[in-house]
Protein backbone atom coordinates (compact mmCIF):
# COMPACT_ATOMS: atom_id res chain seq x y z
CA UNK A 1 7.62 0.27 -22.46
CA UNK A 2 8.58 -2.21 -25.19
CA UNK A 3 7.88 -5.89 -24.53
CA UNK A 4 8.83 -7.25 -27.96
CA UNK A 5 11.80 -9.48 -27.10
CA UNK A 6 9.89 -12.71 -27.71
CA UNK A 7 11.24 -15.23 -30.20
CA UNK A 8 7.95 -15.68 -32.08
CA UNK A 9 6.51 -12.53 -33.75
CA UNK A 10 3.00 -11.51 -32.74
CA UNK A 11 1.61 -12.20 -36.21
CA UNK A 12 3.04 -15.70 -36.18
CA UNK A 13 1.59 -16.31 -32.76
CA UNK A 14 -1.83 -15.26 -33.99
CA UNK A 15 -1.58 -17.63 -36.94
CA UNK A 16 -0.31 -20.42 -34.72
CA UNK A 17 -2.98 -20.07 -32.05
CA UNK A 18 -6.02 -18.70 -33.81
CA UNK A 19 -5.40 -19.76 -37.36
CA UNK A 20 -5.53 -17.42 -40.31
CA UNK A 21 -7.12 -14.04 -39.46
CA UNK A 22 -9.55 -14.61 -42.31
CA UNK A 23 -10.47 -18.03 -40.93
CA UNK A 24 -12.01 -16.86 -37.65
CA UNK A 25 -14.90 -14.48 -37.08
CA UNK A 26 -14.94 -11.81 -34.37
CA UNK A 27 -17.40 -13.94 -32.39
CA UNK A 28 -15.13 -17.00 -32.65
CA UNK A 29 -12.19 -14.94 -31.36
CA UNK A 30 -14.35 -13.62 -28.50
CA UNK A 31 -15.46 -17.17 -27.66
CA UNK A 32 -11.82 -18.30 -27.52
CA UNK A 33 -11.15 -15.41 -25.15
CA UNK A 34 -14.10 -16.35 -22.92
CA UNK A 35 -12.89 -19.94 -22.75
CA UNK A 36 -9.39 -18.79 -21.82
CA UNK A 37 -10.83 -16.67 -18.98
CA UNK A 38 -12.90 -19.60 -17.67
CA UNK A 39 -9.92 -21.93 -17.78
CA UNK A 40 -7.84 -19.37 -15.90
CA UNK A 41 -10.42 -19.13 -13.13
CA UNK A 42 -10.77 -22.92 -12.85
CA UNK A 43 -7.01 -23.48 -12.73
CA UNK A 44 -5.60 -20.41 -10.97
CA UNK A 45 -8.48 -19.58 -8.61
CA UNK A 46 -7.92 -22.59 -6.30
CA UNK A 47 -4.15 -22.05 -6.38
CA UNK A 48 -4.56 -18.41 -5.36
CA UNK A 49 -6.93 -19.40 -2.57
CA UNK A 50 -4.37 -21.85 -1.20
CA UNK A 51 -1.61 -19.23 -1.51
CA UNK A 52 -3.75 -16.60 0.21
CA UNK A 53 -4.44 -18.91 3.15
CA UNK A 54 -0.77 -19.92 3.37
CA UNK A 55 0.32 -16.26 3.31
CA UNK A 56 -2.10 -15.50 6.14
CA UNK A 57 -0.93 -18.49 8.21
CA UNK A 58 2.76 -17.60 7.78
CA UNK A 59 2.27 -13.98 8.79
CA UNK A 60 0.23 -15.06 11.78
CA UNK A 61 2.64 -17.66 13.14
CA UNK A 62 6.10 -16.81 11.82
CA UNK A 63 6.76 -20.57 11.76
CA UNK A 64 9.30 -22.05 9.36
CA UNK A 65 6.86 -24.71 8.14
CA UNK A 66 4.18 -22.12 7.38
CA UNK A 67 6.61 -20.03 5.37
CA UNK A 68 7.64 -23.20 3.51
CA UNK A 69 4.00 -23.85 2.61
CA UNK A 70 3.63 -20.22 1.53
CA UNK A 71 6.62 -20.59 -0.79
CA UNK A 72 5.33 -23.85 -2.26
CA UNK A 73 1.89 -22.44 -3.02
CA UNK A 74 3.40 -19.40 -4.76
CA UNK A 75 5.63 -21.68 -6.83
CA UNK A 76 2.58 -23.60 -8.05
CA UNK A 77 0.96 -20.36 -9.24
CA UNK A 78 4.16 -19.22 -10.92
CA UNK A 79 4.56 -22.55 -12.72
CA UNK A 80 1.00 -22.35 -14.05
CA UNK A 81 1.42 -18.76 -15.24
CA UNK A 82 4.80 -19.53 -16.81
CA UNK A 83 3.18 -21.95 -19.31
CA UNK A 84 4.46 -20.71 -22.72
CA UNK A 85 1.56 -22.27 -24.66
CA UNK A 86 -1.02 -20.48 -22.53
CA UNK A 87 0.89 -17.21 -22.90
CA UNK A 88 1.15 -17.65 -26.66
CA UNK A 89 -2.63 -18.00 -26.88
CA UNK A 90 -3.14 -15.05 -24.56
CA UNK A 91 -0.72 -12.90 -26.58
CA UNK A 92 -2.63 -13.76 -29.74
CA UNK A 93 -5.92 -12.84 -28.08
CA UNK A 94 -4.37 -9.58 -26.88
CA UNK A 95 -3.33 -8.76 -30.46
CA UNK A 96 -6.84 -9.58 -31.72
CA UNK A 97 -8.76 -7.69 -29.04
CA UNK A 98 -9.87 -4.95 -31.46
CA UNK A 99 -12.13 -7.54 -33.03
CA UNK A 100 -13.97 -8.09 -29.72
CA UNK A 101 -16.94 -5.85 -28.98
CA UNK A 102 -17.29 -6.77 -25.28
CA UNK A 103 -15.36 -4.14 -23.25
CA UNK A 104 -15.32 -6.30 -20.10
CA UNK A 105 -13.81 -9.19 -22.05
CA UNK A 106 -11.21 -6.89 -23.63
CA UNK A 107 -10.32 -5.53 -20.20
CA UNK A 108 -10.04 -9.06 -18.79
CA UNK A 109 -7.60 -10.07 -21.54
CA UNK A 110 -5.55 -6.90 -20.92
CA UNK A 111 -5.29 -7.66 -17.18
CA UNK A 112 -4.45 -11.32 -17.79
CA UNK A 113 -1.72 -10.36 -20.25
CA UNK A 114 0.09 -8.41 -17.54
CA UNK A 115 -0.39 -11.22 -15.01
CA UNK A 116 1.14 -13.83 -17.33
CA UNK A 117 3.87 -11.59 -18.74
CA UNK A 118 5.67 -11.28 -15.41
CA UNK A 119 6.00 -15.08 -15.20
CA UNK A 120 7.38 -15.77 -18.70
CA UNK A 121 10.69 -16.84 -17.24
CA UNK A 122 12.62 -19.98 -16.51
CA UNK A 123 10.88 -21.67 -13.57
CA UNK A 124 14.19 -22.04 -11.73
CA UNK A 125 14.61 -18.25 -11.74
CA UNK A 126 11.04 -17.77 -10.53
CA UNK A 127 11.64 -20.24 -7.69
CA UNK A 128 14.87 -18.47 -6.70
CA UNK A 129 13.01 -15.14 -6.49
CA UNK A 130 10.18 -16.64 -4.42
CA UNK A 131 12.59 -18.46 -2.08
CA UNK A 132 14.71 -15.37 -1.50
CA UNK A 133 11.69 -13.09 -1.00
CA UNK A 134 10.18 -15.63 1.39
CA UNK A 135 13.36 -15.87 3.47
CA UNK A 136 13.69 -12.09 3.69
CA UNK A 137 10.05 -11.64 4.69
CA UNK A 138 10.28 -14.34 7.37
CA UNK A 139 13.43 -12.76 8.84
CA UNK A 140 11.70 -9.38 8.92
CA UNK A 141 8.58 -10.75 10.61
CA UNK A 142 10.39 -12.53 13.43
CA UNK A 143 12.91 -9.73 14.09
CA UNK A 144 12.52 -7.82 17.35
CA UNK A 145 14.74 -4.95 18.49
CA UNK A 146 16.86 -5.60 21.59
CA UNK A 147 17.99 -2.90 24.02
CA UNK A 148 19.79 -3.70 27.27
CA UNK A 149 19.12 -7.36 26.49
CA UNK A 150 15.36 -6.73 26.43
CA UNK A 151 13.24 -7.55 23.41
CA UNK A 152 11.05 -4.78 22.00
CA UNK A 153 8.27 -5.20 19.45
CA UNK A 154 7.35 -2.47 16.99
CA UNK A 155 4.70 -1.00 19.30
CA UNK A 156 7.23 -0.66 22.12
CA UNK A 157 9.78 0.99 19.82
CA UNK A 158 7.20 3.53 18.74
CA UNK A 159 6.08 4.14 22.31
CA UNK A 160 9.64 4.97 23.38
CA UNK A 161 10.13 7.29 20.40
CA UNK A 162 6.86 9.01 21.24
CA UNK A 163 7.33 9.43 24.99
CA UNK A 164 10.95 9.24 26.12
CA UNK A 165 12.82 12.53 26.71
CA UNK A 166 16.18 10.79 27.09
CA UNK A 167 18.08 11.37 23.84
CA UNK A 168 20.58 8.60 24.48
CA UNK A 169 17.86 6.05 25.18
CA UNK A 170 15.93 7.17 22.12
CA UNK A 171 19.05 6.76 20.01
CA UNK A 172 19.68 3.26 21.37
CA UNK A 173 16.11 2.17 20.63
CA UNK A 174 16.11 3.72 17.15
CA UNK A 175 19.40 2.05 16.28
CA UNK A 176 18.17 -1.28 17.62
CA UNK A 177 15.07 -1.07 15.43
CA UNK A 178 17.31 -0.50 12.41
CA UNK A 179 19.38 -3.63 13.06
CA UNK A 180 16.92 -5.58 10.95
CA UNK A 181 18.47 -3.81 7.97
CA UNK A 182 21.85 -5.39 8.67
CA UNK A 183 20.18 -8.78 9.07
CA UNK A 184 18.51 -8.48 5.65
CA UNK A 185 21.03 -6.46 3.62
CA UNK A 186 22.82 -9.30 1.86
CA UNK A 187 19.67 -11.25 0.99
CA UNK A 188 17.84 -8.10 -0.10
CA UNK A 189 20.64 -7.13 -2.47
CA UNK A 190 20.56 -10.62 -3.95
CA UNK A 191 16.78 -10.34 -4.33
CA UNK A 192 17.14 -7.01 -6.15
CA UNK A 193 19.68 -8.63 -8.48
CA UNK A 194 17.31 -11.54 -9.22
CA UNK A 195 14.35 -9.21 -9.81
CA UNK A 196 16.39 -7.12 -12.25
CA UNK A 197 17.56 -10.26 -14.05
CA UNK A 198 13.94 -11.32 -14.50
CA UNK A 199 12.86 -7.89 -15.73
CA UNK A 200 15.65 -7.71 -18.32
CA UNK A 201 14.74 -11.15 -19.67
CA UNK A 202 11.23 -9.80 -20.25
CA UNK A 203 12.53 -6.83 -22.21
CA UNK A 204 12.55 -4.14 -19.52
CA UNK A 205 15.54 -2.11 -18.39
CA UNK A 206 15.00 -3.01 -14.72
CA UNK A 207 12.49 -4.34 -12.21
CA UNK A 208 11.18 -0.88 -11.33
CA UNK A 209 10.23 -0.23 -14.97
CA UNK A 210 8.62 -3.68 -15.21
CA UNK A 211 6.47 -3.15 -12.14
CA UNK A 212 5.24 0.23 -13.37
CA UNK A 213 4.22 -1.36 -16.68
CA UNK A 214 2.46 -4.24 -14.92
CA UNK A 215 0.56 -1.70 -12.81
CA UNK A 216 -0.50 0.36 -15.83
CA UNK A 217 1.66 3.32 -14.88
CA UNK A 218 3.99 5.39 -16.98
CA UNK A 219 7.34 5.98 -15.29
CA UNK A 220 7.79 9.48 -16.72
CA UNK A 221 4.23 10.37 -15.74
CA UNK A 222 4.76 9.21 -12.16
CA UNK A 223 7.95 11.25 -11.82
CA UNK A 224 6.21 14.28 -13.34
CA UNK A 225 3.41 13.96 -10.76
CA UNK A 226 5.91 13.67 -7.90
CA UNK A 227 7.90 16.63 -9.20
CA UNK A 228 4.65 18.63 -9.08
CA UNK A 229 4.04 17.45 -5.52
CA UNK A 230 7.59 18.43 -4.62
CA UNK A 231 6.95 21.97 -5.84
CA UNK A 232 3.58 22.15 -4.06
CA UNK A 233 4.81 20.86 -0.72
CA UNK A 234 8.41 22.05 -0.40
CA UNK A 235 7.80 25.45 1.17
CA UNK A 236 4.78 24.59 3.37
CA UNK A 237 6.63 21.49 4.58
CA UNK A 238 9.72 23.51 5.44
CA UNK A 239 7.56 25.98 7.40
CA UNK A 240 5.80 23.17 9.27
CA UNK A 241 9.06 21.43 10.07
CA UNK A 242 10.54 24.58 11.59
CA UNK A 243 7.67 24.63 14.09
CA UNK A 244 7.99 20.90 14.78
CA UNK A 245 11.76 21.11 15.23
CA UNK A 246 11.52 24.02 17.67
CA UNK A 247 9.06 22.07 19.81
CA UNK A 248 11.14 18.89 19.68
CA UNK A 249 14.31 20.75 20.62
CA UNK A 250 12.54 22.27 23.64
CA UNK A 251 11.31 18.86 24.72
CA UNK A 252 14.76 17.27 24.59
CA UNK A 253 16.63 20.39 25.79
CA UNK A 254 18.91 20.48 22.78
CA UNK A 255 19.55 22.89 19.92
CA UNK A 256 17.53 22.52 16.74
CA UNK A 257 20.64 21.65 14.72
CA UNK A 258 21.29 18.77 17.14
CA UNK A 259 18.07 16.98 16.16
CA UNK A 260 18.64 13.57 14.58
CA UNK A 261 16.32 10.82 13.27
CA UNK A 262 15.65 9.33 16.71
CA UNK A 263 14.19 12.62 17.92
CA UNK A 264 11.15 12.20 15.66
CA UNK A 265 8.26 10.04 16.86
CA UNK A 266 8.25 7.59 13.99
CA UNK A 267 11.32 5.53 12.98
CA UNK A 268 11.14 7.01 9.46
CA UNK A 269 9.56 10.42 10.17
CA UNK A 270 6.55 9.48 8.09
CA UNK A 271 4.08 10.72 10.71
CA UNK A 272 3.56 13.99 12.57
CA UNK A 273 5.35 14.05 15.96
CA UNK A 274 3.10 14.64 18.97
CA UNK A 275 4.48 18.05 19.86
CA UNK A 276 1.25 20.01 20.16
CA UNK A 277 -0.78 20.78 23.25
CA UNK A 278 -3.47 18.08 23.17
CA UNK A 279 -2.78 14.39 23.79
CA UNK A 280 -4.48 12.79 20.80
CA UNK A 281 -4.15 9.32 22.36
CA UNK A 282 -6.22 10.24 25.43
CA UNK A 283 -9.69 9.65 23.90
CA UNK A 284 -8.67 6.13 22.85
CA UNK A 285 -7.15 4.83 26.08
CA UNK A 286 -10.34 3.04 27.12
CA UNK A 287 -11.80 2.66 23.64
CA UNK A 288 -12.97 -0.61 22.13
CA UNK A 289 -11.48 -0.22 18.66
CA UNK A 290 -13.27 -3.29 17.34
CA UNK A 291 -16.65 -1.85 18.33
CA UNK A 292 -15.77 1.61 17.03
CA UNK A 293 -14.78 0.16 13.67
CA UNK A 294 -17.84 -2.10 13.43
CA UNK A 295 -20.26 0.68 14.44
CA UNK A 296 -18.82 3.16 11.97
CA UNK A 297 -18.85 0.92 8.92
CA UNK A 298 -22.29 -0.47 9.79
CA UNK A 299 -23.57 3.10 10.09
CA UNK A 300 -22.59 3.98 6.53
CA UNK A 301 -24.08 0.79 5.11
CA UNK A 302 -20.81 -1.12 4.72
CA UNK A 303 -20.88 -3.63 7.62
CA UNK A 304 -17.65 -5.47 8.51
CA UNK A 305 -18.81 -7.73 11.36
CA UNK A 306 -17.97 -10.87 9.36
CA UNK A 307 -14.47 -9.56 8.63
CA UNK A 308 -13.89 -8.81 12.33
CA UNK A 309 -14.83 -12.38 13.26
CA UNK A 310 -12.17 -13.77 10.90
CA UNK A 311 -9.44 -11.27 11.78
CA UNK A 312 -6.48 -11.36 14.18
CA UNK A 313 -6.03 -7.99 15.85
CA UNK A 314 -3.62 -8.25 18.80
CA UNK A 315 0.15 -8.90 19.12
CA UNK A 316 1.61 -12.35 19.59
CA UNK A 317 5.03 -13.94 19.29
CA UNK A 318 6.17 -14.63 15.73
CA UNK A 319 3.29 -12.70 14.19
CA UNK A 320 3.95 -10.00 11.61
CA UNK A 321 4.29 -6.75 13.60
CA UNK A 322 2.47 -4.66 11.01
CA UNK A 323 -1.07 -4.49 9.61
CA UNK A 324 -2.79 -5.58 6.41
CA UNK A 325 -6.08 -6.72 4.92
CA UNK A 326 -6.37 -9.73 2.63
CA UNK A 327 -9.13 -11.18 0.47
CA UNK A 328 -8.33 -14.90 0.45
CA UNK A 329 -10.45 -16.09 -2.47
CA UNK A 330 -12.58 -13.21 -3.87
CA UNK A 331 -15.74 -15.03 -2.74
CA UNK A 332 -16.94 -12.14 -0.58
CA UNK A 333 -16.86 -14.38 2.50
CA UNK A 334 -13.17 -14.71 3.24
CA UNK A 335 -11.83 -11.20 3.85
CA UNK A 336 -9.73 -10.66 6.98
CA UNK A 337 -7.45 -8.15 8.69
CA UNK A 338 -4.22 -8.53 10.66
CA UNK A 339 -3.41 -5.83 13.24
CA UNK A 340 -1.37 -5.47 16.42
CA UNK A 341 -3.49 -3.25 18.69
CA UNK A 342 -1.60 -2.45 21.91
CA UNK A 343 -3.02 -2.10 25.41
CA UNK A 344 -4.03 0.60 25.97
CA UNK A 345 -5.02 1.43 22.38
CA UNK A 346 -4.00 4.72 20.82
CA UNK A 347 -4.81 7.13 17.99
CA UNK A 348 -2.41 5.44 15.58
CA UNK A 349 -4.12 2.07 15.90
CA UNK A 350 -7.59 3.62 15.76
CA UNK A 351 -6.58 5.13 12.42
CA UNK A 352 -5.03 1.82 11.34
CA UNK A 353 -8.26 -0.07 12.11
CA UNK A 354 -10.30 2.39 10.04
CA UNK A 355 -7.68 2.10 7.30
CA UNK A 356 -7.49 -1.70 7.12
CA UNK A 357 -11.24 -2.19 7.34
CA UNK A 358 -11.51 0.43 4.60
CA UNK A 359 -9.57 -2.05 2.48
CA UNK A 360 -11.98 -4.78 3.58
CA UNK A 361 -15.07 -2.98 2.27
CA UNK A 362 -13.29 -2.39 -1.04
CA UNK A 363 -13.03 -6.12 -1.73
CA UNK A 364 -15.16 -8.93 -3.06
CA UNK A 365 -17.58 -8.13 -0.20
CA UNK A 366 -18.81 -5.22 -2.31
CA UNK A 367 -17.48 -6.00 -5.79
CA UNK A 368 -20.16 -7.91 -7.73
CA UNK A 369 -19.77 -11.68 -8.13
CA UNK A 370 -21.02 -11.28 -11.72
CA UNK A 371 -17.64 -9.87 -12.73
CA UNK A 372 -15.04 -12.32 -14.04
CA UNK A 373 -12.78 -13.62 -11.26
CA UNK A 374 -9.76 -11.71 -12.57
CA UNK A 375 -11.68 -8.39 -12.40
CA UNK A 376 -13.33 -9.11 -9.04
CA UNK A 377 -10.89 -6.93 -7.14
CA UNK A 378 -9.97 -3.27 -6.65
CA UNK A 379 -9.16 -1.21 -9.73
CA UNK A 380 -5.60 -0.58 -8.55
CA UNK A 381 -3.30 -0.51 -5.55
CA UNK A 382 -3.67 3.28 -5.33
CA UNK A 383 -7.47 3.20 -5.35
CA UNK A 384 -7.76 0.76 -2.46
CA UNK A 385 -5.08 2.68 -0.54
CA UNK A 386 -7.00 5.88 -1.25
CA UNK A 387 -10.25 4.47 0.13
CA UNK A 388 -8.46 3.24 3.26
CA UNK A 389 -6.75 6.61 3.76
CA UNK A 390 -10.00 8.52 3.32
CA UNK A 391 -11.62 6.63 6.19
CA UNK A 392 -8.43 6.66 8.28
CA UNK A 393 -8.47 10.46 8.40
CA UNK A 394 -11.63 10.37 10.57
CA UNK A 395 -9.58 9.26 13.59
CA UNK A 396 -8.41 12.87 14.00
CA UNK A 397 -11.88 14.45 13.85
CA UNK A 398 -13.26 15.39 17.30
CA UNK A 399 -16.86 15.49 16.09
CA UNK A 400 -16.43 11.95 14.75
CA UNK A 401 -14.93 10.67 18.01
CA UNK A 402 -17.59 12.28 20.20
CA UNK A 403 -20.42 10.93 18.08
CA UNK A 404 -18.79 7.51 18.32
CA UNK A 405 -19.04 7.79 22.12
CA UNK A 406 -15.47 8.78 22.97
CA UNK A 407 -14.76 11.61 25.39
CA UNK A 408 -12.48 14.48 24.41
CA UNK A 409 -11.43 16.31 27.58
CA UNK A 410 -10.38 19.65 26.05
CA UNK A 411 -12.35 20.07 22.80
CA UNK A 412 -10.87 23.38 21.61
CA UNK A 413 -7.33 22.28 22.33
CA UNK A 414 -7.93 18.92 20.65
CA UNK A 415 -9.41 20.62 17.56
CA UNK A 416 -6.45 22.97 17.22
CA UNK A 417 -3.98 20.12 17.62
CA UNK A 418 -5.64 17.67 15.25
CA UNK A 419 -6.31 20.28 12.56
CA UNK A 420 -2.62 21.16 12.54
CA UNK A 421 -1.53 17.53 12.76
CA UNK A 422 -3.76 16.52 9.87
CA UNK A 423 -2.37 19.25 7.60
CA UNK A 424 1.18 18.53 8.69
CA UNK A 425 0.64 14.80 8.25
CA UNK A 426 -0.25 15.23 4.59
CA UNK A 427 2.90 17.29 4.05
CA UNK A 428 5.18 14.97 6.02
CA UNK A 429 3.87 11.86 4.33
CA UNK A 430 4.21 13.46 0.91
CA UNK A 431 7.89 14.18 1.53
CA UNK A 432 8.48 10.66 2.88
CA UNK A 433 6.91 9.16 -0.25
CA UNK A 434 9.37 11.17 -2.34
CA UNK A 435 12.19 9.33 -0.56
CA UNK A 436 10.67 5.90 -1.13
CA UNK A 437 9.85 6.42 -4.81
CA UNK A 438 13.18 7.92 -5.75
CA UNK A 439 15.21 5.46 -3.66
CA UNK A 440 13.62 2.37 -5.19
CA UNK A 441 13.87 3.77 -8.70
CA UNK A 442 17.58 4.52 -8.24
CA UNK A 443 18.25 1.23 -6.44
CA UNK A 444 16.88 -0.88 -9.29
CA UNK A 445 18.60 1.32 -11.89
CA UNK A 446 21.98 0.80 -10.20
CA UNK A 447 22.00 -1.66 -7.28
CA UNK A 448 25.82 -1.54 -7.11
CA UNK A 449 25.91 2.08 -5.92
CA UNK A 450 26.34 3.06 -2.27
CA UNK A 451 22.72 2.50 -1.19
CA UNK A 452 23.34 3.70 2.36
CA UNK A 453 24.52 7.07 1.03
CA UNK A 454 21.68 7.23 -1.50
CA UNK A 455 19.13 6.66 1.29
CA UNK A 456 20.40 9.42 3.54
CA UNK A 457 20.96 11.84 0.66
CA UNK A 458 17.26 11.53 -0.18
CA UNK A 459 16.16 11.74 3.47
CA UNK A 460 18.12 14.96 3.91
CA UNK A 461 16.84 16.44 0.66
CA UNK A 462 13.13 15.66 0.96
CA UNK A 463 12.57 15.23 4.71
CA UNK A 464 15.25 17.66 5.96
CA UNK A 465 16.34 15.13 8.59
CA UNK A 466 20.07 15.07 9.29
CA UNK A 467 21.84 11.75 8.93
CA UNK A 468 23.62 10.46 12.03
CA UNK A 469 27.32 11.25 12.08
CA UNK A 470 29.63 8.42 11.03
CA UNK A 471 26.71 6.06 10.36
CA UNK A 472 27.12 3.63 7.48
CA UNK A 473 24.36 1.06 7.89
CA UNK A 474 21.68 -0.33 5.54
CA UNK A 475 18.83 1.63 7.13
CA UNK A 476 16.89 1.44 3.86
CA UNK A 477 16.51 -2.33 4.42
CA UNK A 478 14.62 -1.75 7.66
CA UNK A 479 11.55 -0.57 5.72
CA UNK A 480 9.20 -3.52 5.21
CA UNK A 481 7.83 -2.31 1.87
CA UNK A 482 11.24 -2.37 0.19
CA UNK A 483 11.46 -5.99 1.32
CA UNK A 484 7.91 -7.27 0.83
CA UNK A 485 6.08 -4.82 -1.45
CA UNK A 486 8.60 -3.45 -3.95
CA UNK A 487 7.71 -0.52 -6.21
CA UNK A 488 4.51 -0.07 -4.20
CA UNK A 489 5.03 2.95 -1.99
CA UNK A 490 4.40 5.69 -4.53
CA UNK A 491 0.86 4.31 -4.73
CA UNK A 492 0.28 5.41 -1.13
CA UNK A 493 0.90 8.98 -2.19
CA UNK A 494 -1.26 8.64 -5.26
CA UNK A 495 -3.80 7.08 -2.92
CA UNK A 496 -3.72 10.24 -0.79
CA UNK A 497 -4.57 12.23 -3.91
CA UNK A 498 -7.40 9.80 -4.67
CA UNK A 499 -8.64 10.04 -1.05
CA UNK A 500 -8.84 13.83 -1.18
CA UNK A 501 -10.49 13.81 -4.60
CA UNK A 502 -13.16 11.24 -3.63
CA UNK A 503 -13.83 12.97 -0.29
CA UNK A 504 -14.43 16.29 -2.04
CA UNK A 505 -16.75 14.52 -4.52
CA UNK A 506 -18.75 13.06 -1.60
CA UNK A 507 -18.89 16.46 0.09
CA UNK A 508 -20.02 18.07 -3.14
CA UNK A 509 -22.72 15.50 -3.98
CA UNK A 510 -24.03 14.46 -0.56
CA UNK A 511 -23.24 17.45 1.71
CA UNK A 512 -23.78 20.35 -0.66
CA UNK A 513 -23.71 23.17 1.91
CA UNK A 514 -20.99 21.84 4.21
CA UNK A 515 -17.31 22.61 4.38
CA UNK A 516 -15.47 19.42 3.27
CA UNK A 517 -13.33 19.70 6.42
CA UNK A 518 -16.46 19.13 8.53
CA UNK A 519 -17.83 16.11 6.62
CA UNK A 520 -17.47 12.91 8.69
CA UNK A 521 -19.93 10.51 6.93
CA UNK A 522 -21.22 9.16 10.26
CA UNK A 523 -24.50 7.25 10.03
CA UNK A 524 -25.03 8.27 6.39
CA UNK A 525 -25.83 5.20 4.30
CA UNK A 526 -25.74 7.39 1.19
CA UNK A 527 -21.97 7.43 1.65
CA UNK A 528 -21.89 3.64 1.44
CA UNK A 529 -24.11 3.73 -1.64
CA UNK A 530 -21.83 6.32 -3.26
CA UNK A 531 -18.76 4.19 -2.58
CA UNK A 532 -20.43 1.05 -3.91
CA UNK A 533 -21.68 2.61 -7.12
CA UNK A 534 -18.84 5.00 -7.89
CA UNK A 535 -15.79 3.14 -6.55
CA UNK A 536 -16.38 -0.51 -5.60
CA UNK A 537 -18.78 -2.02 -8.15
CA UNK A 538 -16.64 -1.42 -11.27
CA UNK A 539 -13.98 -3.68 -9.71
CA UNK A 540 -11.04 -3.85 -12.08
CA UNK A 541 -13.13 -3.23 -15.20
CA UNK A 542 -11.77 0.33 -15.15
CA UNK A 543 -8.13 1.40 -14.93
CA UNK A 544 -7.18 3.59 -11.98
CA UNK A 545 -7.55 6.86 -13.87
CA UNK A 546 -10.79 5.78 -15.56
CA UNK A 547 -12.17 4.89 -12.12
CA UNK A 548 -11.08 8.29 -10.75
CA UNK A 549 -13.02 9.99 -13.56
CA UNK A 550 -16.02 7.70 -12.95
CA UNK A 551 -16.06 8.53 -9.22
CA UNK A 552 -15.13 12.22 -9.25
CA UNK A 553 -15.68 13.54 -12.77
CA UNK A 554 -12.01 14.18 -13.54
CA UNK A 555 -8.67 12.40 -13.76
CA UNK A 556 -6.34 12.04 -10.78
CA UNK A 557 -4.72 15.35 -9.84
CA UNK A 558 -3.18 17.13 -6.87
CA UNK A 559 -5.50 20.14 -6.48
CA UNK A 560 -7.86 18.61 -3.88
CA UNK A 561 -4.91 17.27 -1.89
CA UNK A 562 -3.40 20.76 -1.99
CA UNK A 563 -6.64 22.21 -0.62
CA UNK A 564 -6.57 19.71 2.22
CA UNK A 565 -3.01 20.38 3.35
CA UNK A 566 -3.48 24.13 3.05
CA UNK A 567 -6.39 23.89 5.49
CA UNK A 568 -9.03 26.55 5.99
């Protein structure tokens, strides 16, 4: 993607900042680069720490004043990164990087270039984007569905969709959960417009293209990968969905062609409905998910006790209804997780705990402090998501649960159910990610189109879920990631590929004679050592595909994921 719409040519910038190319040695250029990196850490590090704490506080409380502080701290970072003199020097260093012989320094300059590039805009525009994004996120966090004048949090919505056999009640709850889309629609459309305006001023055709560039991804390459996944998953998904639909129709005493979105057990059909014989929630009803999480990660040599002490794991009014992990300051001592574990706990939240604390071990806890601040983080969004997903999958392994002290009443039935659910989950999630990627891409390419129609066209094509008759509502805006983490979701799918590839590498290197399906890592500190050396310790010194090769011996591909969803 071209980024050449700057008023001062690169050569002139180099002369302006570094002096004549003949006047400075390679070592002098490298020293200028090292000084720039140190100044960045001294100036931006404290600002990011303050912003990280403010973001945590706002998501925990939902209070107007906390969201105001969050907005102010982000504005201070944006103002610092928008400094045209600093960017001019950085651009010159980027152009002169071939004269540096320190690969870590070169990588640091590359990463910093992308960080600064996004902010080379008028500060008023940056503030407008932050203010609008902040308002939308706050409205999303405090929204609760209302049915029959009763407030329902996200856990309650999901519980109804999982358990109720009353189609009309299910429909009412599903529709109520989607009302947040109507609340946010106008502001979200304005935010999309502002994001596109910013991207075009930086020389990109739209915000989607900008974000792919900033995340070191090629748009055509991503689409090619997802087209391959479409071909791989289309037929097995269709076969799986026939079985799921037959079971759902029996449960609700309707015909298969009468199934609508509210008949699936997740508001977006991104998870496998519980239609099989075993109750996968049963083993968790009396489980201590904090202890389970702590015991597991301690057993593989990646303890998270300190993270648990700093985390907030149960629902409360105003709190974000979702889950995330955050590393406040990259010090190794300030990593924390937000969850909303219900009472009694269930399989979904057991998996979520393993997932979020998987993020926590792939943080500055296990990324060496010797790395420059800017590289003291995960290689990429998709690699940290992949690590979290790899550990999350254990929640559906009976042998794992039993060895963790949980009781499974009907082992054979549980095994048959979870094996099928795990395979189906990979297929279902793959199809859902197709919707998210292609919707966001099309939305940023043409935000004036009928987005409601676009959303349901994609849902019908890739998920084979029929749109509700006569519905014309902004259901796309009820998905938090479109609001808060734009152009992010495709990385979940690429993370699934990474998860499968790393798991098979672990099975191959540490469990040479075992079927990868049976490998559960439990109590094996070699697994923690593998993850530290092969995945965590490089930090961001390697790009996502370089890290994949470092950890598994080959670039990211779909073949191991395909083996996993095909099963035995």
